[in-house]
Amino acid sequence: MAISQAQAPATNAPVTLDNGMIFSATSNVSKESDLVPVIDVSGIYSNKLEDRQKVAEEIRDAATKIGFFYAKSHGISRSGFDHCIEMGREFFALPDEEKNKINTELFPGEFIGYHAKDTYSRAQQKFKDLSEAFNWCYDAAYDPESDAESKTLPSINVWPEELPEMKDALMAYWAELLTLSRKLTRIIALALHMPEDHFDEYIKRPEASMRIMHYPDQQASRDDQNGIGAHTDFTSFTIVTQDEQGGLEVLSKSGEWIQVKPIPDTFVINIGDCLMRQTNDVFVSTIHRVINHSGAERYSVPFFFGFDREMPLNPVPSCISDNNPAKYPLMTAGEYLKFRVNTTKGTRAS
C-alpha cells in the first residue's frame, strides 16, 4: 500500500541546506518515487528469518526510492505519545523566563533543553523557524540494555524544575522507541544484504535524542516562513509520532512537496544523513519541512536514532565496490554530529 498525497505547487529550484549542501529534484532527493509507502513492520518481532526479511525488502524499496515510509503494527501504544504531549503543553505554557533557564543555547554542541520560536533559520529563507521545542537525549539509566555500571553515569539532559514529573513521563516513551529502533537497525542490516548483527556494535550506546515539537497555526504567517524549513536529518533514521493536524511535507523526485498526512496508529520513519553516507547513497535522506495550515496548534514527537559517537561511519561493504568506491571521507558518528549541530546552531564547527 502506498499513499500519494495532494501536492503543493512544483518548484525545481535547488534547495541549499543549512550545512551548505545543495540538493535539487534531480539529485539525492526522492530518486524513483513520489509515493510514501505504508509498511506492516510486525514481522520484525517474528522468530522466522523469512518474516524479518520480508519487512527488510519493503524497507529497502522505500529507503532507496523516497527515504520515507509509514510503519504500522509496530507494537507501541499511543499512550506514551499522549503523555509526552500533555507534558509538552504544560512546559510550553510556562513563562519564557522559566523555559529559558534551560535554553539550548546554554549547551553548545548539544541539542538539549528548550529552543524558542524564531531561533533557527534555513538557507535561502528570509525568516526563522516558527516552531519551539523541548529536547533531550540518551540517558543510560533509562536504557533497557545498559549495564549496571552505565546506569550510574550522569546524564547531560536538563529538565524544568517546575515540572518534576516530566522526566519520567518522557523517558518512558523514549525507552520504548529506543527498543524499537534497535530492532529496526537489525532489519536495516538485512535490507542492505548484510548479516543481521552488522550494526550491533554501533548501537550499544547509541545516539538517541528526542524532542517535543510545538507549531503554531500559520494561516496568517509571512511568506517563506515554515514551522521547520527544508532540511534533512543528521542521524541514521528518525521515527516521528505526529498528531492529527498534519503539516509534514517531503520533496519528491519531481520537485513537488508531498503531504505526509497522519495515518492513525502509524509512525513516519525517514532515513537520515548518516545512513545515507554509510550506504554510499544507496539509501536516500530526503528533504522535508513542516508547514502548519491546519487552523490549530500542531504537536509532534520525533525520535532521532544514530550510532555510538565513538564509532567510525565506515561504508557498508555491500554498498561499495571497485566500480563504486566510497564517496565520503571517513569520520566518527560524533564528529559528524558535532559538525551538523554546530552548523544548525550557527556556531563554529571544530
C-alpha atoms as a PDB file:
ATOM      1  CA  MET A   1       0.000   0.000   0.000  1.00  0.00           C
ATOM      2  CA  ALA A   2       1.303   3.469  -0.825  1.00  0.00           C
ATOM      3  CA  ILE A   3      -0.004   6.952  -0.187  1.00  0.00           C
ATOM      4  CA  SER A   4       0.416   9.724  -2.768  1.00  0.00           C
ATOM      5  CA  GLN A   5      -0.913  12.857  -1.142  1.00  0.00           C
ATOM      6  CA  ALA A   6      -2.101  16.168  -2.580  1.00  0.00           C
ATOM      7  CA  GLN A   7       0.891  18.164  -3.733  1.00  0.00           C
ATOM      8  CA  ALA A   8       1.948  21.766  -3.388  1.00  0.00           C
ATOM      9  CA  PRO A   9       2.978  23.849  -6.409  1.00  0.00           C
ATOM     10  CA  ALA A  10       6.096  22.425  -8.012  1.00  0.00           C
ATOM     11  CA  THR A  11       9.494  24.001  -7.614  1.00  0.00           C
ATOM     12  CA  ASN A  12      12.566  22.827  -9.496  1.00  0.00           C
ATOM     13  CA  ALA A  13      14.892  25.325  -7.828  1.00  0.00           C
ATOM     14  CA  PRO A  14      17.823  23.807  -5.931  1.00  0.00           C
ATOM     15  CA  VAL A  15      17.452  23.718  -2.154  1.00  0.00           C
ATOM     16  CA  THR A  16      20.516  24.761  -0.147  1.00  0.00           C
ATOM     17  CA  LEU A  17      20.570  23.286   3.344  1.00  0.00           C
ATOM     18  CA  ASP A  18      21.973  24.953   6.431  1.00  0.00           C
ATOM     19  CA  ASN A  19      25.083  22.758   6.258  1.00  0.00           C
ATOM     20  CA  GLY A  20      25.916  24.133   2.807  1.00  0.00           C
ATOM     21  CA  MET A  21      24.792  21.045   0.889  1.00  0.00           C
ATOM     22  CA  ILE A  22      22.801  21.801  -2.266  1.00  0.00           C
ATOM     23  CA  PHE A  23      20.091  19.400  -3.396  1.00  0.00           C
ATOM     24  CA  SER A  24      17.836  19.541  -6.415  1.00  0.00           C
ATOM     25  CA  ALA A  25      14.972  17.397  -7.591  1.00  0.00           C
ATOM     26  CA  THR A  26      17.392  15.538  -9.867  1.00  0.00           C
ATOM     27  CA  SER A  27      19.996  14.667  -7.217  1.00  0.00           C
ATOM     28  CA  ASN A  28      19.633  12.870  -3.890  1.00  0.00           C
ATOM     29  CA  VAL A  29      16.077  13.901  -3.187  1.00  0.00           C
ATOM     30  CA  SER A  30      13.471  11.241  -3.893  1.00  0.00           C
ATOM     31  CA  LYS A  31      15.125   9.081  -6.521  1.00  0.00           C
ATOM     32  CA  GLU A  32      12.404   6.962  -8.059  1.00  0.00           C
ATOM     33  CA  SER A  33       9.065   7.557  -6.410  1.00  0.00           C
ATOM     34  CA  ASP A  34       6.503  10.124  -5.350  1.00  0.00           C
ATOM     35  CA  LEU A  35       4.826   7.565  -3.093  1.00  0.00           C
ATOM     36  CA  VAL A  36       5.218   7.221   0.673  1.00  0.00           C
ATOM     37  CA  PRO A  37       4.520   3.520   1.320  1.00  0.00           C
ATOM     38  CA  VAL A  38       2.781   2.022   4.336  1.00  0.00           C
ATOM     39  CA  ILE A  39       4.751  -0.956   5.687  1.00  0.00           C
ATOM     40  CA  ASP A  40       3.469  -3.534   8.163  1.00  0.00           C
ATOM     41  CA  VAL A  41       6.513  -3.981  10.409  1.00  0.00           C
ATOM     42  CA  SER A  42       5.046  -6.638  12.726  1.00  0.00           C
ATOM     43  CA  GLY A  43       7.436  -9.147  11.153  1.00  0.00           C
ATOM     44  CA  ILE A  44      10.378  -7.580  12.990  1.00  0.00           C
ATOM     45  CA  TYR A  45       9.178  -9.393  16.119  1.00  0.00           C
ATOM     46  CA  SER A  46       8.970 -12.786  14.381  1.00  0.00           C
ATOM     47  CA  ASN A  47      11.354 -15.648  15.160  1.00  0.00           C
ATOM     48  CA  LYS A  48      11.247 -16.589  11.477  1.00  0.00           C
ATOM     49  CA  LEU A  49      14.007 -15.075   9.349  1.00  0.00           C
ATOM     50  CA  GLU A  50      11.763 -15.017   6.285  1.00  0.00           C
ATOM     51  CA  ASP A  51       9.281 -12.761   8.105  1.00  0.00           C
ATOM     52  CA  ARG A  52      12.040 -10.320   9.046  1.00  0.00           C
ATOM     53  CA  GLN A  53      13.474 -10.422   5.528  1.00  0.00           C
ATOM     54  CA  LYS A  54      10.079  -9.567   4.062  1.00  0.00           C
ATOM     55  CA  VAL A  55       9.964  -6.374   6.143  1.00  0.00           C
ATOM     56  CA  ALA A  56      13.592  -5.676   5.230  1.00  0.00           C
ATOM     57  CA  GLU A  57      12.910  -5.813   1.493  1.00  0.00           C
ATOM     58  CA  GLU A  58       9.949  -3.448   1.826  1.00  0.00           C
ATOM     59  CA  ILE A  59      12.081  -1.022   3.833  1.00  0.00           C
ATOM     60  CA  ARG A  60      14.873  -1.292   1.256  1.00  0.00           C
ATOM     61  CA  ASP A  61      12.436  -0.395  -1.512  1.00  0.00           C
ATOM     62  CA  ALA A  62      11.231   2.684   0.381  1.00  0.00           C
ATOM     63  CA  ALA A  63      14.699   3.719   1.573  1.00  0.00           C
ATOM     64  CA  THR A  64      16.230   3.599  -1.901  1.00  0.00           C
ATOM     65  CA  LYS A  65      13.368   5.410  -3.619  1.00  0.00           C
ATOM     66  CA  ILE A  66      11.899   8.110  -1.377  1.00  0.00           C
ATOM     67  CA  GLY A  67      13.598   7.680   2.011  1.00  0.00           C
ATOM     68  CA  PHE A  68      10.279   7.808   3.919  1.00  0.00           C
ATOM     69  CA  PHE A  69       7.671   5.262   4.939  1.00  0.00           C
ATOM     70  CA  TYR A  70       4.776   4.809   7.339  1.00  0.00           C
ATOM     71  CA  ALA A  71       5.238   1.956   9.852  1.00  0.00           C
ATOM     72  CA  LYS A  72       2.093   0.199  11.069  1.00  0.00           C
ATOM     73  CA  SER A  73       1.672  -2.716  13.501  1.00  0.00           C
ATOM     74  CA  HIS A  74       4.791  -1.528  15.318  1.00  0.00           C
ATOM     75  CA  GLY A  75       3.676  -2.752  18.744  1.00  0.00           C
ATOM     76  CA  ILE A  76       3.837   0.558  20.637  1.00  0.00           C
ATOM     77  CA  SER A  77       0.790   2.077  22.285  1.00  0.00           C
ATOM     78  CA  ARG A  78      -0.354   5.659  21.639  1.00  0.00           C
ATOM     79  CA  SER A  79      -0.403   6.421  25.372  1.00  0.00           C
ATOM     80  CA  GLY A  80       3.298   7.296  25.557  1.00  0.00           C
ATOM     81  CA  PHE A  81       2.869   9.936  22.866  1.00  0.00           C
ATOM     82  CA  ASP A  82      -0.212  11.319  24.601  1.00  0.00           C
ATOM     83  CA  HIS A  83       1.732  11.680  27.858  1.00  0.00           C
ATOM     84  CA  CYS A  84       4.530  13.491  26.019  1.00  0.00           C
ATOM     85  CA  ILE A  85       2.080  15.953  24.517  1.00  0.00           C
ATOM     86  CA  GLU A  86       0.401  16.556  27.891  1.00  0.00           C
ATOM     87  CA  MET A  87       3.781  17.388  29.412  1.00  0.00           C
ATOM     88  CA  GLY A  88       4.699  19.461  26.363  1.00  0.00           C
ATOM     89  CA  ARG A  89       1.590  21.599  26.687  1.00  0.00           C
ATOM     90  CA  GLU A  90       2.413  22.280  30.333  1.00  0.00           C
ATOM     91  CA  PHE A  91       6.032  23.090  29.557  1.00  0.00           C
ATOM     92  CA  PHE A  92       5.342  25.438  26.631  1.00  0.00           C
ATOM     93  CA  ALA A  93       2.757  27.261  28.768  1.00  0.00           C
ATOM     94  CA  LEU A  94       5.455  28.214  31.296  1.00  0.00           C
ATOM     95  CA  PRO A  95       6.700  31.826  31.270  1.00  0.00           C
ATOM     96  CA  ASP A  96       9.555  32.429  28.816  1.00  0.00           C
ATOM     97  CA  GLU A  97      11.802  33.320  31.738  1.00  0.00           C
ATOM     98  CA  GLU A  98      11.357  29.832  33.182  1.00  0.00           C
ATOM     99  CA  LYS A  99      11.774  28.000  29.864  1.00  0.00           C
ATOM    100  CA  ASN A 100      14.910  29.957  29.018  1.00  0.00           C
ATOM    101  CA  LYS A 101      16.627  28.764  32.186  1.00  0.00           C
ATOM    102  CA  ILE A 102      17.336  25.619  30.145  1.00  0.00           C
ATOM    103  CA  ASN A 103      17.635  27.243  26.710  1.00  0.00           C
ATOM    104  CA  THR A 104      19.593  25.051  24.312  1.00  0.00           C
ATOM    105  CA  GLU A 105      21.976  27.924  23.551  1.00  0.00           C
ATOM    106  CA  LEU A 106      23.384  27.431  27.063  1.00  0.00           C
ATOM    107  CA  PHE A 107      24.665  23.992  25.986  1.00  0.00           C
ATOM    108  CA  PRO A 108      26.972  24.369  22.945  1.00  0.00           C
ATOM    109  CA  GLY A 109      27.345  21.343  20.726  1.00  0.00           C
ATOM    110  CA  GLU A 110      24.225  19.601  22.026  1.00  0.00           C
ATOM    111  CA  PHE A 111      20.500  19.640  21.308  1.00  0.00           C
ATOM    112  CA  ILE A 112      19.119  19.563  24.844  1.00  0.00           C
ATOM    113  CA  GLY A 113      16.707  21.834  26.670  1.00  0.00           C
ATOM    114  CA  TYR A 114      14.407  24.438  25.191  1.00  0.00           C
ATOM    115  CA  HIS A 115      14.603  26.203  21.870  1.00  0.00           C
ATOM    116  CA  ALA A 116      12.230  29.069  21.273  1.00  0.00           C
ATOM    117  CA  LYS A 117      10.341  30.131  18.170  1.00  0.00           C
ATOM    118  CA  ASP A 118      12.381  32.204  15.714  1.00  0.00           C
ATOM    119  CA  THR A 119      15.637  30.565  16.852  1.00  0.00           C
ATOM    120  CA  TYR A 120      16.899  28.726  13.750  1.00  0.00           C
ATOM    121  CA  SER A 121      16.968  29.829  10.127  1.00  0.00           C
ATOM    122  CA  ARG A 122      17.468  27.781   6.976  1.00  0.00           C
ATOM    123  CA  ALA A 123      19.488  28.824   3.966  1.00  0.00           C
ATOM    124  CA  GLN A 124      17.551  30.648   1.199  1.00  0.00           C
ATOM    125  CA  GLN A 125      14.763  31.542   3.652  1.00  0.00           C
ATOM    126  CA  LYS A 126      14.157  35.055   4.931  1.00  0.00           C
ATOM    127  CA  PHE A 127      12.576  34.120   8.247  1.00  0.00           C
ATOM    128  CA  LYS A 128      13.404  31.768  11.095  1.00  0.00           C
ATOM    129  CA  ASP A 129      11.512  28.589  12.012  1.00  0.00           C
ATOM    130  CA  LEU A 130       8.180  29.196  13.744  1.00  0.00           C
ATOM    131  CA  SER A 131       8.331  26.088  15.931  1.00  0.00           C
ATOM    132  CA  GLU A 132       9.510  25.712  19.510  1.00  0.00           C
ATOM    133  CA  ALA A 133      10.748  22.506  21.095  1.00  0.00           C
ATOM    134  CA  PHE A 134      11.916  20.712  24.201  1.00  0.00           C
ATOM    135  CA  ASN A 135      14.883  18.405  23.522  1.00  0.00           C
ATOM    136  CA  TRP A 136      16.527  15.541  25.391  1.00  0.00           C
ATOM    137  CA  CYS A 137      18.994  12.779  24.539  1.00  0.00           C
ATOM    138  CA  TYR A 138      20.424   9.416  25.582  1.00  0.00           C
ATOM    139  CA  ASP A 139      20.342   8.506  29.259  1.00  0.00           C
ATOM    140  CA  ALA A 140      21.825   5.128  30.206  1.00  0.00           C
ATOM    141  CA  ALA A 141      19.701   4.995  33.349  1.00  0.00           C
ATOM    142  CA  TYR A 142      16.603   4.520  31.161  1.00  0.00           C
ATOM    143  CA  ASP A 143      18.201   2.231  28.540  1.00  0.00           C
ATOM    144  CA  PRO A 144      16.786  -1.302  28.966  1.00  0.00           C
ATOM    145  CA  GLU A 145      20.040  -2.776  27.591  1.00  0.00           C
ATOM    146  CA  SER A 146      22.634  -0.736  29.510  1.00  0.00           C
ATOM    147  CA  ASP A 147      24.672  -2.453  32.218  1.00  0.00           C
ATOM    148  CA  ALA A 148      24.528  -1.624  35.919  1.00  0.00           C
ATOM    149  CA  GLU A 149      27.690   0.494  35.822  1.00  0.00           C
ATOM    150  CA  SER A 150      26.465   2.567  32.870  1.00  0.00           C
ATOM    151  CA  LYS A 151      23.156   3.252  34.593  1.00  0.00           C
ATOM    152  CA  THR A 152      25.023   5.179  37.301  1.00  0.00           C
ATOM    153  CA  LEU A 153      26.739   7.547  34.854  1.00  0.00           C
ATOM    154  CA  PRO A 154      25.481  11.150  34.855  1.00  0.00           C
ATOM    155  CA  SER A 155      23.287  12.385  32.014  1.00  0.00           C
ATOM    156  CA  ILE A 156      23.698  15.715  30.216  1.00  0.00           C
ATOM    157  CA  ASN A 157      19.922  16.189  29.962  1.00  0.00           C
ATOM    158  CA  VAL A 158      18.279  19.190  31.613  1.00  0.00           C
ATOM    159  CA  TRP A 159      14.703  19.308  32.918  1.00  0.00           C
ATOM    160  CA  PRO A 160      12.399  22.093  34.121  1.00  0.00           C
ATOM    161  CA  GLU A 161      12.277  22.371  37.903  1.00  0.00           C
ATOM    162  CA  GLU A 162       8.600  23.391  37.706  1.00  0.00           C
ATOM    163  CA  LEU A 163       7.572  20.009  36.216  1.00  0.00           C
ATOM    164  CA  PRO A 164       9.286  17.277  38.260  1.00  0.00           C
ATOM    165  CA  GLU A 165       7.114  14.538  36.732  1.00  0.00           C
ATOM    166  CA  MET A 166       8.158  15.436  33.175  1.00  0.00           C
ATOM    167  CA  LYS A 167      11.396  13.439  33.083  1.00  0.00           C
ATOM    168  CA  ASP A 168       9.943  10.004  33.857  1.00  0.00           C
ATOM    169  CA  ALA A 169       6.975  10.518  31.518  1.00  0.00           C
ATOM    170  CA  LEU A 170       9.179  11.461  28.561  1.00  0.00           C
ATOM    171  CA  MET A 171      11.901   8.911  29.219  1.00  0.00           C
ATOM    172  CA  ALA A 172       9.341   6.086  29.340  1.00  0.00           C
ATOM    173  CA  TYR A 173       8.306   6.776  25.727  1.00  0.00           C
ATOM    174  CA  TRP A 174      11.954   7.336  24.772  1.00  0.00           C
ATOM    175  CA  ALA A 175      12.834   3.849  26.076  1.00  0.00           C
ATOM    176  CA  GLU A 176      10.061   2.244  24.004  1.00  0.00           C
ATOM    177  CA  LEU A 177      11.285   3.927  20.829  1.00  0.00           C
ATOM    178  CA  LEU A 178      14.888   3.032  21.656  1.00  0.00           C
ATOM    179  CA  THR A 179      13.957  -0.655  21.789  1.00  0.00           C
ATOM    180  CA  LEU A 180      12.052  -0.383  18.500  1.00  0.00           C
ATOM    181  CA  SER A 181      14.996   1.414  16.874  1.00  0.00           C
ATOM    182  CA  ARG A 182      17.427  -1.333  17.816  1.00  0.00           C
ATOM    183  CA  LYS A 183      15.117  -3.906  16.229  1.00  0.00           C
ATOM    184  CA  LEU A 184      14.776  -1.763  13.103  1.00  0.00           C
ATOM    185  CA  THR A 185      18.557  -1.433  12.844  1.00  0.00           C
ATOM    186  CA  ARG A 186      18.881  -5.201  12.542  1.00  0.00           C
ATOM    187  CA  ILE A 187      16.200  -5.195   9.843  1.00  0.00           C
ATOM    188  CA  ILE A 188      18.060  -2.405   8.031  1.00  0.00           C
ATOM    189  CA  ALA A 189      21.181  -4.595   8.041  1.00  0.00           C
ATOM    190  CA  LEU A 190      19.161  -7.286   6.265  1.00  0.00           C
ATOM    191  CA  ALA A 191      17.818  -4.648   3.875  1.00  0.00           C
ATOM    192  CA  LEU A 192      21.428  -3.849   2.945  1.00  0.00           C
ATOM    193  CA  HIS A 193      22.101  -7.569   2.334  1.00  0.00           C
ATOM    194  CA  MET A 194      24.354  -7.776   5.366  1.00  0.00           C
ATOM    195  CA  PRO A 195      24.265 -10.082   8.417  1.00  0.00           C
ATOM    196  CA  GLU A 196      21.524  -9.083  10.832  1.00  0.00           C
ATOM    197  CA  ASP A 197      24.062  -8.204  13.533  1.00  0.00           C
ATOM    198  CA  HIS A 198      26.167  -5.947  11.290  1.00  0.00           C
ATOM    199  CA  PHE A 199      25.343  -2.763  13.225  1.00  0.00           C
ATOM    200  CA  ASP A 200      25.147  -4.294  16.725  1.00  0.00           C
ATOM    201  CA  GLU A 201      28.455  -2.763  17.861  1.00  0.00           C
ATOM    202  CA  TYR A 202      27.228   0.657  16.708  1.00  0.00           C
ATOM    203  CA  ILE A 203      24.154   0.734  18.927  1.00  0.00           C
ATOM    204  CA  LYS A 204      25.303  -0.393  22.372  1.00  0.00           C
ATOM    205  CA  ARG A 205      25.396   3.265  23.422  1.00  0.00           C
ATOM    206  CA  PRO A 206      23.578   4.885  20.505  1.00  0.00           C
ATOM    207  CA  GLU A 207      22.830   8.466  19.639  1.00  0.00           C
ATOM    208  CA  ALA A 208      19.181   8.575  20.662  1.00  0.00           C
ATOM    209  CA  SER A 209      17.687  12.025  21.004  1.00  0.00           C
ATOM    210  CA  MET A 210      14.083  13.132  21.106  1.00  0.00           C
ATOM    211  CA  ARG A 211      12.026  16.290  21.142  1.00  0.00           C
ATOM    212  CA  ILE A 212       8.507  17.572  21.568  1.00  0.00           C
ATOM    213  CA  MET A 213       7.751  19.988  18.738  1.00  0.00           C
ATOM    214  CA  HIS A 214       5.082  22.692  19.032  1.00  0.00           C
ATOM    215  CA  TYR A 215       3.922  24.517  15.903  1.00  0.00           C
ATOM    216  CA  PRO A 216       1.516  27.473  15.962  1.00  0.00           C
ATOM    217  CA  ASP A 217      -1.096  27.741  13.249  1.00  0.00           C
ATOM    218  CA  GLN A 218       0.333  29.507  10.188  1.00  0.00           C
ATOM    219  CA  GLN A 219      -2.811  30.732   8.445  1.00  0.00           C
ATOM    220  CA  ALA A 220      -1.640  34.328   8.738  1.00  0.00           C
ATOM    221  CA  SER A 221       2.121  33.727   8.622  1.00  0.00           C
ATOM    222  CA  ARG A 222       4.521  35.560   6.356  1.00  0.00           C
ATOM    223  CA  ASP A 223       5.679  34.096   3.062  1.00  0.00           C
ATOM    224  CA  ASP A 224       8.778  31.875   3.241  1.00  0.00           C
ATOM    225  CA  GLN A 225       8.333  31.070   6.923  1.00  0.00           C
ATOM    226  CA  ASN A 226       7.787  27.473   7.969  1.00  0.00           C
ATOM    227  CA  GLY A 227       7.279  25.585  11.195  1.00  0.00           C
ATOM    228  CA  ILE A 228      10.548  23.934  10.198  1.00  0.00           C
ATOM    229  CA  GLY A 229      12.229  24.892   6.940  1.00  0.00           C
ATOM    230  CA  ALA A 230      13.539  22.482   4.297  1.00  0.00           C
ATOM    231  CA  HIS A 231      16.217  20.221   5.772  1.00  0.00           C
ATOM    232  CA  THR A 232      17.483  16.678   6.152  1.00  0.00           C
ATOM    233  CA  ASP A 233      18.029  14.861   9.460  1.00  0.00           C
ATOM    234  CA  PHE A 234      21.505  14.249  10.906  1.00  0.00           C
ATOM    235  CA  THR A 235      21.349  10.723  12.263  1.00  0.00           C
ATOM    236  CA  SER A 236      20.671   7.258  10.818  1.00  0.00           C
ATOM    237  CA  PHE A 237      16.889   7.399  10.871  1.00  0.00           C
ATOM    238  CA  THR A 238      14.034   9.259  12.549  1.00  0.00           C
ATOM    239  CA  ILE A 239      10.786   7.879  13.986  1.00  0.00           C
ATOM    240  CA  VAL A 240       8.075  10.554  14.061  1.00  0.00           C
ATOM    241  CA  THR A 241       4.844  10.405  16.026  1.00  0.00           C
ATOM    242  CA  GLN A 242       2.548  13.165  14.763  1.00  0.00           C
ATOM    243  CA  ASP A 243      -0.836  14.391  15.882  1.00  0.00           C
ATOM    244  CA  GLU A 244      -3.888  14.630  13.625  1.00  0.00           C
ATOM    245  CA  GLN A 245      -3.117  18.145  12.333  1.00  0.00           C
ATOM    246  CA  GLY A 246      -0.586  17.185   9.648  1.00  0.00           C
ATOM    247  CA  GLY A 247       1.852  19.586   8.003  1.00  0.00           C
ATOM    248  CA  LEU A 248       4.840  17.344   7.229  1.00  0.00           C
ATOM    249  CA  GLU A 249       5.915  17.559   3.573  1.00  0.00           C
ATOM    250  CA  VAL A 250       8.564  15.640   1.600  1.00  0.00           C
ATOM    251  CA  LEU A 251      10.339  16.911  -1.528  1.00  0.00           C
ATOM    252  CA  SER A 252       9.630  14.432  -4.317  1.00  0.00           C
ATOM    253  CA  LYS A 253      11.716  13.482  -7.338  1.00  0.00           C
ATOM    254  CA  SER A 254       9.518  15.730  -9.473  1.00  0.00           C
ATOM    255  CA  GLY A 255      10.315  18.733  -7.283  1.00  0.00           C
ATOM    256  CA  GLU A 256       6.906  18.840  -5.617  1.00  0.00           C
ATOM    257  CA  TRP A 257       6.110  18.852  -1.901  1.00  0.00           C
ATOM    258  CA  ILE A 258       4.200  15.668  -0.957  1.00  0.00           C
ATOM    259  CA  GLN A 259       1.997  15.979   2.125  1.00  0.00           C
ATOM    260  CA  VAL A 260       2.709  13.132   4.554  1.00  0.00           C
ATOM    261  CA  LYS A 261      -0.707  13.168   6.171  1.00  0.00           C
ATOM    262  CA  PRO A 262      -1.238  11.498   9.555  1.00  0.00           C
ATOM    263  CA  ILE A 263      -2.447   7.890   9.449  1.00  0.00           C
ATOM    264  CA  PRO A 264      -3.777   6.634  12.802  1.00  0.00           C
ATOM    265  CA  ASP A 265      -1.551   4.189  14.697  1.00  0.00           C
ATOM    266  CA  THR A 266       1.449   4.632  12.418  1.00  0.00           C
ATOM    267  CA  PHE A 267       4.878   6.169  12.736  1.00  0.00           C
ATOM    268  CA  VAL A 268       6.528   8.108   9.935  1.00  0.00           C
ATOM    269  CA  ILE A 269      10.111   6.885   9.544  1.00  0.00           C
ATOM    270  CA  ASN A 270      12.740   8.598   7.401  1.00  0.00           C
ATOM    271  CA  ILE A 271      16.345   7.878   6.530  1.00  0.00           C
ATOM    272  CA  GLY A 272      18.931  10.350   7.858  1.00  0.00           C
ATOM    273  CA  ASP A 273      22.222  11.654   6.512  1.00  0.00           C
ATOM    274  CA  CYS A 274      24.496   9.311   8.499  1.00  0.00           C
ATOM    275  CA  LEU A 275      22.845   6.242   6.991  1.00  0.00           C
ATOM    276  CA  MET A 276      22.906   7.788   3.519  1.00  0.00           C
ATOM    277  CA  ARG A 277      26.662   8.334   3.954  1.00  0.00           C
ATOM    278  CA  GLN A 278      27.280   4.812   5.225  1.00  0.00           C
ATOM    279  CA  THR A 279      25.277   3.278   2.391  1.00  0.00           C
ATOM    280  CA  ASN A 280      27.182   5.364  -0.154  1.00  0.00           C
ATOM    281  CA  ASP A 281      23.902   6.989  -1.258  1.00  0.00           C
ATOM    282  CA  VAL A 282      22.106   3.659  -1.749  1.00  0.00           C
ATOM    283  CA  PHE A 283      19.600   4.888   0.838  1.00  0.00           C
ATOM    284  CA  VAL A 284      18.365   8.450   0.404  1.00  0.00           C
ATOM    285  CA  SER A 285      17.955  11.118   3.086  1.00  0.00           C
ATOM    286  CA  THR A 286      15.147  13.218   1.685  1.00  0.00           C
ATOM    287  CA  ILE A 287      14.481  16.918   2.209  1.00  0.00           C
ATOM    288  CA  HIS A 288      11.374  17.662   4.249  1.00  0.00           C
ATOM    289  CA  ARG A 289       9.685  20.563   6.027  1.00  0.00           C
ATOM    290  CA  VAL A 290       6.668  21.358   8.200  1.00  0.00           C
ATOM    291  CA  ILE A 291       4.016  23.981   7.409  1.00  0.00           C
ATOM    292  CA  ASN A 292       1.031  24.039   9.749  1.00  0.00           C
ATOM    293  CA  HIS A 293      -2.055  25.320   7.912  1.00  0.00           C
ATOM    294  CA  SER A 294      -4.449  23.186   9.954  1.00  0.00           C
ATOM    295  CA  GLY A 295      -6.109  26.051  11.811  1.00  0.00           C
ATOM    296  CA  ALA A 296      -4.910  24.610  15.130  1.00  0.00           C
ATOM    297  CA  GLU A 297      -1.706  24.096  17.064  1.00  0.00           C
ATOM    298  CA  ARG A 298       0.343  21.087  15.939  1.00  0.00           C
ATOM    299  CA  TYR A 299       2.462  18.746  18.068  1.00  0.00           C
ATOM    300  CA  SER A 300       4.858  16.008  17.032  1.00  0.00           C
ATOM    301  CA  VAL A 301       7.469  13.876  18.778  1.00  0.00           C
ATOM    302  CA  PRO A 302      10.447  12.893  16.593  1.00  0.00           C
ATOM    303  CA  PHE A 303      12.982  10.333  17.837  1.00  0.00           C
ATOM    304  CA  PHE A 304      16.407  10.601  16.176  1.00  0.00           C
ATOM    305  CA  PHE A 305      18.406   7.361  16.219  1.00  0.00           C
ATOM    306  CA  GLY A 306      22.066   7.118  15.311  1.00  0.00           C
ATOM    307  CA  PHE A 307      25.258   5.318  16.138  1.00  0.00           C
ATOM    308  CA  ASP A 308      27.666   5.494  19.070  1.00  0.00           C
ATOM    309  CA  ARG A 309      29.635   8.736  18.805  1.00  0.00           C
ATOM    310  CA  GLU A 310      32.935   6.848  19.065  1.00  0.00           C
ATOM    311  CA  MET A 311      32.196   4.604  16.081  1.00  0.00           C
ATOM    312  CA  PRO A 312      33.589   5.392  12.611  1.00  0.00           C
ATOM    313  CA  LEU A 313      30.994   5.783   9.875  1.00  0.00           C
ATOM    314  CA  ASN A 314      32.532   3.024   7.769  1.00  0.00           C
ATOM    315  CA  PRO A 315      30.751   2.415   4.467  1.00  0.00           C
ATOM    316  CA  VAL A 316      28.590  -0.696   4.423  1.00  0.00           C
ATOM    317  CA  PRO A 317      30.564  -3.346   2.465  1.00  0.00           C
ATOM    318  CA  SER A 318      27.605  -4.252   0.247  1.00  0.00           C
ATOM    319  CA  CYS A 319      27.351  -0.605  -0.881  1.00  0.00           C
ATOM    320  CA  ILE A 320      30.891  -0.143  -2.237  1.00  0.00           C
ATOM    321  CA  SER A 321      32.945  -1.842  -4.944  1.00  0.00           C
ATOM    322  CA  ASP A 322      35.867  -1.160  -7.270  1.00  0.00           C
ATOM    323  CA  ASN A 323      33.418   0.446  -9.675  1.00  0.00           C
ATOM    324  CA  ASN A 324      31.538   2.267  -6.912  1.00  0.00           C
ATOM    325  CA  PRO A 325      34.108   3.448  -4.336  1.00  0.00           C
ATOM    326  CA  ALA A 326      33.221   5.237  -1.107  1.00  0.00           C
ATOM    327  CA  LYS A 327      32.028   8.802  -1.777  1.00  0.00           C
ATOM    328  CA  TYR A 328      32.515  10.342   1.667  1.00  0.00           C
ATOM    329  CA  PRO A 329      35.555  10.987   3.892  1.00  0.00           C
ATOM    330  CA  LEU A 330      35.693   8.780   6.962  1.00  0.00           C
ATOM    331  CA  MET A 331      34.733  10.339  10.299  1.00  0.00           C
ATOM    332  CA  THR A 332      33.180   9.165  13.522  1.00  0.00           C
ATOM    333  CA  ALA A 333      29.471   9.485  14.201  1.00  0.00           C
ATOM    334  CA  GLY A 334      30.321  12.008  16.924  1.00  0.00           C
ATOM    335  CA  GLU A 335      32.435  14.166  14.623  1.00  0.00           C
ATOM    336  CA  TYR A 336      29.662  14.271  12.059  1.00  0.00           C
ATOM    337  CA  LEU A 337      27.022  15.023  14.682  1.00  0.00           C
ATOM    338  CA  LYS A 338      29.092  17.859  16.142  1.00  0.00           C
ATOM    339  CA  PHE A 339      29.561  19.382  12.697  1.00  0.00           C
ATOM    340  CA  ARG A 340      25.844  19.270  11.942  1.00  0.00           C
ATOM    341  CA  VAL A 341      24.757  20.586  15.352  1.00  0.00           C
ATOM    342  CA  ASN A 342      27.187  23.488  15.118  1.00  0.00           C
ATOM    343  CA  THR A 343      26.122  24.427  11.589  1.00  0.00           C
ATOM    344  CA  THR A 344      22.447  24.303  12.575  1.00  0.00           C
ATOM    345  CA  LYS A 345      23.074  26.417  15.663  1.00  0.00           C
ATOM    346  CA  GLY A 346      25.251  28.800  13.677  1.00  0.00           C
ATOM    347  CA  THR A 347      28.319  28.214  15.827  1.00  0.00           C
ATOM    348  CA  ARG A 348      31.861  27.444  14.763  1.00  0.00           C
ATOM    349  CA  ALA A 349      32.468  23.805  13.892  1.00  0.00           C
ATOM    350  CA  SER A 350      35.702  22.358  15.218  1.00  0.00           C
END
